[in-house]
Every structure is written in C-alpha cells, then in structure tokens.
PDB file of N, CA and C in Angstrom:
ATOM      1  N   MET A   1       0.893  -1.195   0.003  1.00  0.00           N
ATOM      2  CA  MET A   1       0.093  -0.025  -0.090  1.00  0.00           C
ATOM      3  C   MET A   1       0.990   1.365  -0.105  1.00  0.00           C
ATOM      4  N   SER A   2       0.547   2.190  -0.817  1.00  0.00           N
ATOM      5  CA  SER A   2       1.324   3.476  -0.949  1.00  0.00           C
ATOM      6  C   SER A   2       1.155   4.328   0.022  1.00  0.00           C
ATOM      7  N   MET A   3       1.998   5.254   0.478  1.00  0.00           N
ATOM      8  CA  MET A   3       1.805   6.207   1.378  1.00  0.00           C
ATOM      9  C   MET A   3       0.595   7.109   1.020  1.00  0.00           C
ATOM     10  N   ILE A   4       0.429   7.539  -0.214  1.00  0.00           N
ATOM     11  CA  ILE A   4      -0.619   8.310  -0.650  1.00  0.00           C
ATOM     12  C   ILE A   4      -1.919   7.635  -0.368  1.00  0.00           C
ATOM     13  N   LEU A   5      -2.068   6.329  -0.745  1.00  0.00           N
ATOM     14  CA  LEU A   5      -3.283   5.709  -0.455  1.00  0.00           C
ATOM     15  C   LEU A   5      -3.638   5.502   1.036  1.00  0.00           C
ATOM     16  N   LEU A   6      -2.549   5.375   1.807  1.00  0.00           N
ATOM     17  CA  LEU A   6      -2.751   5.334   3.242  1.00  0.00           C
ATOM     18  C   LEU A   6      -3.282   6.649   3.782  1.00  0.00           C
ATOM     19  N   PHE A   7      -2.549   7.783   3.402  1.00  0.00           N
ATOM     20  CA  PHE A   7      -3.196   9.063   3.790  1.00  0.00           C
ATOM     21  C   PHE A   7      -4.621   9.332   3.291  1.00  0.00           C
ATOM     22  N   HIS A   8      -4.981   8.836   2.025  1.00  0.00           N
ATOM     23  CA  HIS A   8      -6.244   8.977   1.495  1.00  0.00           C
ATOM     24  C   HIS A   8      -7.244   8.231   2.376  1.00  0.00           C
ATOM     25  N   LEU A   9      -6.825   7.071   2.929  1.00  0.00           N
ATOM     26  CA  LEU A   9      -7.899   6.239   3.643  1.00  0.00           C
ATOM     27  C   LEU A   9      -7.861   6.838   5.059  1.00  0.00           C
ATOM     28  N   LEU A  10      -6.870   7.370   5.681  1.00  0.00           N
ATOM     29  CA  LEU A  10      -6.985   7.726   7.076  1.00  0.00           C
ATOM     30  C   LEU A  10      -7.573   9.182   7.086  1.00  0.00           C
ATOM     31  N   ALA A  11      -7.412   9.981   6.159  1.00  0.00           N
ATOM     32  CA  ALA A  11      -7.987  11.295   6.320  1.00  0.00           C
ATOM     33  C   ALA A  11      -9.625  11.242   6.367  1.00  0.00           C
ATOM     34  N   PRO A  12     -10.277  10.537   5.558  1.00  0.00           N
ATOM     35  CA  PRO A  12     -11.846  10.533   5.868  1.00  0.00           C
ATOM     36  C   PRO A  12     -12.136   9.965   7.205  1.00  0.00           C
ATOM     37  N   GLY A  13     -11.302   9.082   7.829  1.00  0.00           N
ATOM     38  CA  GLY A  13     -11.693   8.719   9.159  1.00  0.00           C
ATOM     39  C   GLY A  13     -11.549   9.832  10.122  1.00  0.00           C
ATOM     40  N   VAL A  14     -10.325  10.728   9.907  1.00  0.00           N
ATOM     41  CA  VAL A  14     -10.268  11.881  10.783  1.00  0.00           C
ATOM     42  C   VAL A  14     -11.466  12.834  10.532  1.00  0.00           C
ATOM     43  N   TRP A  15     -11.850  13.013   9.367  1.00  0.00           N
ATOM     44  CA  TRP A  15     -12.960  13.854   9.035  1.00  0.00           C
ATOM     45  C   TRP A  15     -14.166  13.433   9.532  1.00  0.00           C
ATOM     46  N   LEU A  16     -14.475  12.132   9.569  1.00  0.00           N
ATOM     47  CA  LEU A  16     -15.768  11.615  10.237  1.00  0.00           C
ATOM     48  C   LEU A  16     -15.585  11.716  11.655  1.00  0.00           C
ATOM     49  N   GLY A  17     -14.473  11.685  12.295  1.00  0.00           N
ATOM     50  CA  GLY A  17     -14.254  11.740  13.633  1.00  0.00           C
ATOM     51  C   GLY A  17     -14.579  13.181  14.053  1.00  0.00           C
ATOM     52  N   VAL A  18     -14.253  14.198  13.312  1.00  0.00           N
ATOM     53  CA  VAL A  18     -14.397  15.565  13.704  1.00  0.00           C
ATOM     54  C   VAL A  18     -15.926  15.734  13.465  1.00  0.00           C
ATOM     55  N   VAL A  19     -16.656  15.199  12.551  1.00  0.00           N
ATOM     56  CA  VAL A  19     -18.121  15.372  12.600  1.00  0.00           C
ATOM     57  C   VAL A  19     -18.678  14.892  13.693  1.00  0.00           C
ATOM     58  N   GLY A  20     -18.244  13.726  14.305  1.00  0.00           N
ATOM     59  CA  GLY A  20     -18.856  13.322  15.562  1.00  0.00           C
ATOM     60  C   GLY A  20     -18.486  14.145  16.819  1.00  0.00           C
ATOM     61  N   ALA A  21     -17.237  14.654  16.787  1.00  0.00           N
ATOM     62  CA  ALA A  21     -16.845  15.632  17.756  1.00  0.00           C
ATOM     63  C   ALA A  21     -17.533  16.940  17.896  1.00  0.00           C
ATOM     64  N   GLU A  22     -17.968  17.436  16.642  1.00  0.00           N
ATOM     65  CA  GLU A  22     -18.671  18.601  16.481  1.00  0.00           C
ATOM     66  C   GLU A  22     -20.026  18.345  16.939  1.00  0.00           C
ATOM     67  N   PHE A  23     -20.712  17.157  16.923  1.00  0.00           N
ATOM     68  CA  PHE A  23     -21.958  16.976  17.243  1.00  0.00           C
ATOM     69  C   PHE A  23     -22.037  17.062  18.741  1.00  0.00           C
ATOM     70  N   ALA A  24     -20.958  16.483  19.430  1.00  0.00           N
ATOM     71  CA  ALA A  24     -20.824  16.508  20.871  1.00  0.00           C
ATOM     72  C   ALA A  24     -20.655  17.985  21.356  1.00  0.00           C
ATOM     73  N   ILE A  25     -19.778  18.615  20.658  1.00  0.00           N
ATOM     74  CA  ILE A  25     -19.630  20.061  21.072  1.00  0.00           C
ATOM     75  C   ILE A  25     -20.903  20.751  20.909  1.00  0.00           C
ATOM     76  N   GLU A  26     -21.680  20.687  19.904  1.00  0.00           N
ATOM     77  CA  GLU A  26     -22.866  21.512  19.729  1.00  0.00           C
ATOM     78  C   GLU A  26     -24.056  20.890  20.659  1.00  0.00           C
ATOM     79  N   PHE A  27     -23.951  19.696  20.885  1.00  0.00           N
ATOM     80  CA  PHE A  27     -24.960  19.188  21.963  1.00  0.00           C
ATOM     81  C   PHE A  27     -24.725  19.838  23.359  1.00  0.00           C
ATOM     82  N   HIS A  28     -23.463  19.805  23.661  1.00  0.00           N
ATOM     83  CA  HIS A  28     -22.992  20.575  24.995  1.00  0.00           C
ATOM     84  C   HIS A  28     -23.377  22.005  25.023  1.00  0.00           C
ATOM     85  N   GLY A  29     -23.345  22.698  23.875  1.00  0.00           N
ATOM     86  CA  GLY A  29     -23.521  24.113  23.700  1.00  0.00           C
ATOM     87  C   GLY A  29     -24.868  24.435  23.884  1.00  0.00           C
ATOM     88  N   MET A  30     -25.875  23.385  23.980  1.00  0.00           N
ATOM     89  CA  MET A  30     -27.224  23.810  24.060  1.00  0.00           C
ATOM     90  C   MET A  30     -27.679  24.011  25.634  1.00  0.00           C
ATOM     91  N   ARG A  31     -26.641  23.953  26.557  1.00  0.00           N
ATOM     92  CA  ARG A  31     -27.135  23.889  27.974  1.00  0.00           C
ATOM     93  C   ARG A  31     -27.497  25.349  28.261  1.00  0.00           C
ATOM     94  N   ASP A  32     -26.553  26.448  28.084  1.00  0.00           N
ATOM     95  CA  ASP A  32     -26.844  27.571  28.478  1.00  0.00           C
ATOM     96  C   ASP A  32     -26.056  28.585  27.600  1.00  0.00           C
ATOM     97  N   GLU A  33     -26.128  29.963  27.749  1.00  0.00           N
ATOM     98  CA  GLU A  33     -25.650  30.978  26.953  1.00  0.00           C
ATOM     99  C   GLU A  33     -24.061  30.791  26.938  1.00  0.00           C
ATOM    100  N   ARG A  34     -23.425  30.677  28.086  1.00  0.00           N
ATOM    101  CA  ARG A  34     -21.970  30.400  28.123  1.00  0.00           C
ATOM    102  C   ARG A  34     -21.534  29.399  27.413  1.00  0.00           C
ATOM    103  N   SER A  35     -22.261  28.172  27.600  1.00  0.00           N
ATOM    104  CA  SER A  35     -21.944  26.986  26.828  1.00  0.00           C
ATOM    105  C   SER A  35     -22.006  27.141  25.216  1.00  0.00           C
ATOM    106  N   LEU A  36     -23.038  28.071  24.898  1.00  0.00           N
ATOM    107  CA  LEU A  36     -23.185  28.201  23.490  1.00  0.00           C
ATOM    108  C   LEU A  36     -21.916  28.931  22.954  1.00  0.00           C
ATOM    109  N   TRP A  37     -21.456  29.887  23.638  1.00  0.00           N
ATOM    110  CA  TRP A  37     -20.239  30.645  23.142  1.00  0.00           C
ATOM    111  C   TRP A  37     -19.001  29.777  23.057  1.00  0.00           C
ATOM    112  N   THR A  38     -18.900  29.005  24.124  1.00  0.00           N
ATOM    113  CA  THR A  38     -17.759  27.969  24.190  1.00  0.00           C
ATOM    114  C   THR A  38     -17.773  26.938  23.035  1.00  0.00           C
ATOM    115  N   ALA A  39     -19.026  26.541  22.876  1.00  0.00           N
ATOM    116  CA  ALA A  39     -19.182  25.594  21.698  1.00  0.00           C
ATOM    117  C   ALA A  39     -18.887  26.170  20.348  1.00  0.00           C
ATOM    118  N   ALA A  40     -19.285  27.403  20.069  1.00  0.00           N
ATOM    119  CA  ALA A  40     -19.033  28.178  18.853  1.00  0.00           C
ATOM    120  C   ALA A  40     -17.595  28.357  18.732  1.00  0.00           C
ATOM    121  N   GLU A  41     -16.759  28.784  19.775  1.00  0.00           N
ATOM    122  CA  GLU A  41     -15.351  28.947  19.702  1.00  0.00           C
ATOM    123  C   GLU A  41     -14.684  27.390  19.334  1.00  0.00           C
ATOM    124  N   LEU A  42     -14.994  26.422  19.926  1.00  0.00           N
ATOM    125  CA  LEU A  42     -14.472  25.086  19.870  1.00  0.00           C
ATOM    126  C   LEU A  42     -14.790  24.720  18.420  1.00  0.00           C
ATOM    127  N   HIS A  43     -16.071  24.863  17.907  1.00  0.00           N
ATOM    128  CA  HIS A  43     -16.340  24.493  16.471  1.00  0.00           C
ATOM    129  C   HIS A  43     -15.566  25.198  15.657  1.00  0.00           C
ATOM    130  N   TYR A  44     -15.286  26.459  15.757  1.00  0.00           N
ATOM    131  CA  TYR A  44     -14.409  27.209  14.841  1.00  0.00           C
ATOM    132  C   TYR A  44     -13.070  26.634  14.722  1.00  0.00           C
ATOM    133  N   LYS A  45     -12.501  26.435  15.987  1.00  0.00           N
ATOM    134  CA  LYS A  45     -11.176  25.919  15.889  1.00  0.00           C
ATOM    135  C   LYS A  45     -11.017  24.491  15.436  1.00  0.00           C
ATOM    136  N   THR A  46     -11.988  23.602  15.652  1.00  0.00           N
ATOM    137  CA  THR A  46     -12.044  22.281  15.109  1.00  0.00           C
ATOM    138  C   THR A  46     -12.057  22.301  13.574  1.00  0.00           C
ATOM    139  N   ASP A  47     -13.010  23.242  13.037  1.00  0.00           N
ATOM    140  CA  ASP A  47     -13.100  23.444  11.623  1.00  0.00           C
ATOM    141  C   ASP A  47     -11.505  23.817  11.152  1.00  0.00           C
ATOM    142  N   LEU A  48     -11.064  24.830  11.697  1.00  0.00           N
ATOM    143  CA  LEU A  48      -9.826  25.458  11.145  1.00  0.00           C
ATOM    144  C   LEU A  48      -8.585  24.561  11.262  1.00  0.00           C
ATOM    145  N   TRP A  49      -8.381  23.960  12.357  1.00  0.00           N
ATOM    146  CA  TRP A  49      -7.309  23.084  12.590  1.00  0.00           C
ATOM    147  C   TRP A  49      -7.374  21.658  12.311  1.00  0.00           C
ATOM    148  N   ILE A  50      -8.596  21.008  12.057  1.00  0.00           N
ATOM    149  CA  ILE A  50      -8.648  19.568  11.928  1.00  0.00           C
ATOM    150  C   ILE A  50      -9.449  19.309  10.708  1.00  0.00           C
ATOM    151  N   GLU A  51     -10.673  19.928  10.517  1.00  0.00           N
ATOM    152  CA  GLU A  51     -11.638  19.444   9.500  1.00  0.00           C
ATOM    153  C   GLU A  51     -11.033  19.993   8.056  1.00  0.00           C
ATOM    154  N   ILE A  52     -10.668  21.152   7.846  1.00  0.00           N
ATOM    155  CA  ILE A  52     -10.110  21.845   6.676  1.00  0.00           C
ATOM    156  C   ILE A  52      -8.942  21.046   6.363  1.00  0.00           C
ATOM    157  N   PRO A  53      -7.887  20.801   7.112  1.00  0.00           N
ATOM    158  CA  PRO A  53      -6.683  20.071   6.632  1.00  0.00           C
ATOM    159  C   PRO A  53      -7.070  18.597   6.190  1.00  0.00           C
ATOM    160  N   ALA A  54      -8.027  17.951   6.928  1.00  0.00           N
ATOM    161  CA  ALA A  54      -8.381  16.565   6.556  1.00  0.00           C
ATOM    162  C   ALA A  54      -9.028  16.656   5.158  1.00  0.00           C
ATOM    163  N   MET A  55      -9.849  17.435   4.969  1.00  0.00           N
ATOM    164  CA  MET A  55     -10.461  17.614   3.586  1.00  0.00           C
ATOM    165  C   MET A  55      -9.406  17.889   2.567  1.00  0.00           C
ATOM    166  N   ALA A  56      -8.504  18.859   2.882  1.00  0.00           N
ATOM    167  CA  ALA A  56      -7.420  18.981   1.910  1.00  0.00           C
ATOM    168  C   ALA A  56      -6.622  17.726   1.624  1.00  0.00           C
ATOM    169  N   VAL A  57      -6.311  17.019   2.643  1.00  0.00           N
ATOM    170  CA  VAL A  57      -5.369  15.735   2.492  1.00  0.00           C
ATOM    171  C   VAL A  57      -6.273  14.696   1.628  1.00  0.00           C
ATOM    172  N   VAL A  58      -7.646  14.589   1.889  1.00  0.00           N
ATOM    173  CA  VAL A  58      -8.479  13.765   0.987  1.00  0.00           C
ATOM    174  C   VAL A  58      -8.444  14.169  -0.462  1.00  0.00           C
ATOM    175  N   SER A  59      -8.499  15.496  -0.716  1.00  0.00           N
ATOM    176  CA  SER A  59      -8.655  16.140  -2.028  1.00  0.00           C
ATOM    177  C   SER A  59      -7.393  15.996  -2.697  1.00  0.00           C
ATOM    178  N   VAL A  60      -6.297  16.302  -2.134  1.00  0.00           N
ATOM    179  CA  VAL A  60      -5.037  16.253  -2.787  1.00  0.00           C
ATOM    180  C   VAL A  60      -4.434  14.812  -3.145  1.00  0.00           C
ATOM    181  N   SER A  61      -4.643  13.963  -2.009  1.00  0.00           N
ATOM    182  CA  SER A  61      -4.280  12.510  -2.361  1.00  0.00           C
ATOM    183  C   SER A  61      -5.143  11.851  -3.320  1.00  0.00           C
ATOM    184  N   GLY A  62      -6.349  12.215  -3.406  1.00  0.00           N
ATOM    185  CA  GLY A  62      -7.232  11.660  -4.465  1.00  0.00           C
ATOM    186  C   GLY A  62      -6.788  12.140  -5.767  1.00  0.00           C
ATOM    187  N   LEU A  63      -6.478  13.431  -5.998  1.00  0.00           N
ATOM    188  CA  LEU A  63      -5.972  14.105  -7.140  1.00  0.00           C
ATOM    189  C   LEU A  63      -4.674  13.368  -7.527  1.00  0.00           C
ATOM    190  N   LEU A  64      -3.797  13.160  -6.666  1.00  0.00           N
ATOM    191  CA  LEU A  64      -2.421  12.420  -6.851  1.00  0.00           C
ATOM    192  C   LEU A  64      -2.628  10.995  -7.416  1.00  0.00           C
ATOM    193  N   MET A  65      -3.697  10.312  -6.965  1.00  0.00           N
ATOM    194  CA  MET A  65      -3.878   8.812  -7.120  1.00  0.00           C
ATOM    195  C   MET A  65      -4.713   8.925  -8.422  1.00  0.00           C
ATOM    196  N   LEU A  66      -5.129   9.941  -8.966  1.00  0.00           N
ATOM    197  CA  LEU A  66      -6.062   9.906 -10.207  1.00  0.00           C
ATOM    198  C   LEU A  66      -5.337   9.557 -11.448  1.00  0.00           C
ATOM    199  N   GLY A  67      -4.028   9.735 -11.538  1.00  0.00           N
ATOM    200  CA  GLY A  67      -3.245   9.409 -12.769  1.00  0.00           C
ATOM    201  C   GLY A  67      -2.904   7.945 -12.706  1.00  0.00           C
ATOM    202  N   GLU A  68      -2.882   7.282 -11.499  1.00  0.00           N
ATOM    203  CA  GLU A  68      -2.554   5.926 -11.445  1.00  0.00           C
ATOM    204  C   GLU A  68      -3.453   4.791 -11.923  1.00  0.00           C
ATOM    205  N   ILE A  69      -4.608   5.346 -12.165  1.00  0.00           N
ATOM    206  CA  ILE A  69      -5.758   4.251 -12.244  1.00  0.00           C
ATOM    207  C   ILE A  69      -6.457   4.336 -13.624  1.00  0.00           C
ATOM    208  N   GLN A  70      -6.959   3.366 -14.153  1.00  0.00           N
ATOM    209  CA  GLN A  70      -7.845   3.447 -15.327  1.00  0.00           C
ATOM    210  C   GLN A  70      -9.260   4.064 -15.045  1.00  0.00           C
ATOM    211  N   PRO A  71      -9.709   5.142 -15.829  1.00  0.00           N
ATOM    212  CA  PRO A  71     -10.892   5.707 -15.559  1.00  0.00           C
ATOM    213  C   PRO A  71     -11.990   4.742 -16.034  1.00  0.00           C
ATOM    214  N   GLY A  72     -13.180   4.738 -15.313  1.00  0.00           N
ATOM    215  CA  GLY A  72     -14.359   3.881 -15.640  1.00  0.00           C
ATOM    216  C   GLY A  72     -15.538   4.473 -14.959  1.00  0.00           C
ATOM    217  N   ALA A  73     -16.756   3.895 -14.959  1.00  0.00           N
ATOM    218  CA  ALA A  73     -17.881   4.169 -14.393  1.00  0.00           C
ATOM    219  C   ALA A  73     -17.707   4.377 -12.920  1.00  0.00           C
ATOM    220  N   ILE A  74     -17.229   3.279 -12.335  1.00  0.00           N
ATOM    221  CA  ILE A  74     -17.183   3.224 -10.842  1.00  0.00           C
ATOM    222  C   ILE A  74     -16.200   4.318 -10.201  1.00  0.00           C
ATOM    223  N   LEU A  75     -15.214   4.603 -11.007  1.00  0.00           N
ATOM    224  CA  LEU A  75     -14.215   5.679 -10.612  1.00  0.00           C
ATOM    225  C   LEU A  75     -14.960   7.001 -10.631  1.00  0.00           C
ATOM    226  N   TRP A  76     -15.575   7.240 -11.775  1.00  0.00           N
ATOM    227  CA  TRP A  76     -16.267   8.560 -11.898  1.00  0.00           C
ATOM    228  C   TRP A  76     -17.534   8.706 -10.814  1.00  0.00           C
ATOM    229  N   THR A  77     -18.108   7.553 -10.466  1.00  0.00           N
ATOM    230  CA  THR A  77     -19.052   7.692  -9.374  1.00  0.00           C
ATOM    231  C   THR A  77     -18.532   8.071  -8.068  1.00  0.00           C
ATOM    232  N   LYS A  78     -17.331   7.265  -7.750  1.00  0.00           N
ATOM    233  CA  LYS A  78     -16.699   7.695  -6.586  1.00  0.00           C
ATOM    234  C   LYS A  78     -16.266   9.252  -6.580  1.00  0.00           C
ATOM    235  N   ILE A  79     -15.767   9.656  -7.683  1.00  0.00           N
ATOM    236  CA  ILE A  79     -15.348  11.054  -7.793  1.00  0.00           C
ATOM    237  C   ILE A  79     -16.554  12.035  -7.460  1.00  0.00           C
ATOM    238  N   ALA A  80     -17.658  11.629  -8.113  1.00  0.00           N
ATOM    239  CA  ALA A  80     -18.869  12.491  -7.939  1.00  0.00           C
ATOM    240  C   ALA A  80     -19.277  12.441  -6.472  1.00  0.00           C
ATOM    241  N   PHE A  81     -19.315  11.388  -5.849  1.00  0.00           N
ATOM    242  CA  PHE A  81     -19.735  11.291  -4.493  1.00  0.00           C
ATOM    243  C   PHE A  81     -18.648  12.058  -3.598  1.00  0.00           C
ATOM    244  N   ALA A  82     -17.459  12.002  -3.771  1.00  0.00           N
ATOM    245  CA  ALA A  82     -16.260  12.551  -3.086  1.00  0.00           C
ATOM    246  C   ALA A  82     -16.387  14.012  -3.134  1.00  0.00           C
ATOM    247  N   LEU A  83     -16.758  14.608  -4.570  1.00  0.00           N
ATOM    248  CA  LEU A  83     -16.777  16.095  -4.696  1.00  0.00           C
ATOM    249  C   LEU A  83     -18.218  16.592  -3.824  1.00  0.00           C
ATOM    250  N   MET A  84     -19.171  15.808  -3.818  1.00  0.00           N
ATOM    251  CA  MET A  84     -20.310  16.287  -3.116  1.00  0.00           C
ATOM    252  C   MET A  84     -20.151  16.206  -1.680  1.00  0.00           C
ATOM    253  N   ALA A  85     -19.346  15.388  -1.029  1.00  0.00           N
ATOM    254  CA  ALA A  85     -18.963  15.366   0.217  1.00  0.00           C
ATOM    255  C   ALA A  85     -18.147  16.604   0.632  1.00  0.00           C
ATOM    256  N   ILE A  86     -17.231  17.001  -0.223  1.00  0.00           N
ATOM    257  CA  ILE A  86     -16.263  18.154  -0.024  1.00  0.00           C
ATOM    258  C   ILE A  86     -17.151  19.300  -0.150  1.00  0.00           C
ATOM    259  N   VAL A  87     -18.026  19.458  -1.140  1.00  0.00           N
ATOM    260  CA  VAL A  87     -18.840  20.662  -1.210  1.00  0.00           C
ATOM    261  C   VAL A  87     -19.710  20.919  -0.146  1.00  0.00           C
ATOM    262  N   PHE A  88     -20.419  19.811   0.248  1.00  0.00           N
ATOM    263  CA  PHE A  88     -21.397  19.844   1.345  1.00  0.00           C
ATOM    264  C   PHE A  88     -20.823  20.068   2.630  1.00  0.00           C
TER     265      PHE A  88
END
C-alpha cells in the first residue's frame, strides 16, 4: 500500500471523527448561553485546525492517485460522491 493511499484512507476517518466531535460540542452548547459561546469557539477551532486540513489531504491525495488508475464508471461515481462530500 502506497503512502498516498494510506493518507487517502486515514483522512476521511479523521474527517468523520471531527463530525462526531462537532456533534458532541454542539450538544454541549445547548445547555446555556455561556456553553453556546464556548461551543461556537470550539467548533471554529475544530474546523480550522482539523476538518479543513483533513478535507485538503483527501482532495490532494485523491488527485495524486487519479493518474495511476484506469478511468471507468465506478471511478467517476466515486469522484462524484467525493466532490459532493467536499462541497457539502
């Protein structure tokens, strides 16, 4: 397994973990006004330092691997779903 593929497989796991952490942060923020401000700050920092770099690693590693494989219907379907995940 190449290092690019390894990073490409690990980064979505990090990205998914961040989504779970953000859910917990937002759930905690519903308690009171002070918790809401703390949750907003943690949410911003999590996006800035973890989620955006994870999305960048997924995108760049995917682009780097694109030249190594034969294009086909399954590949284009995977690319379409990957782009939707990145955009949304």
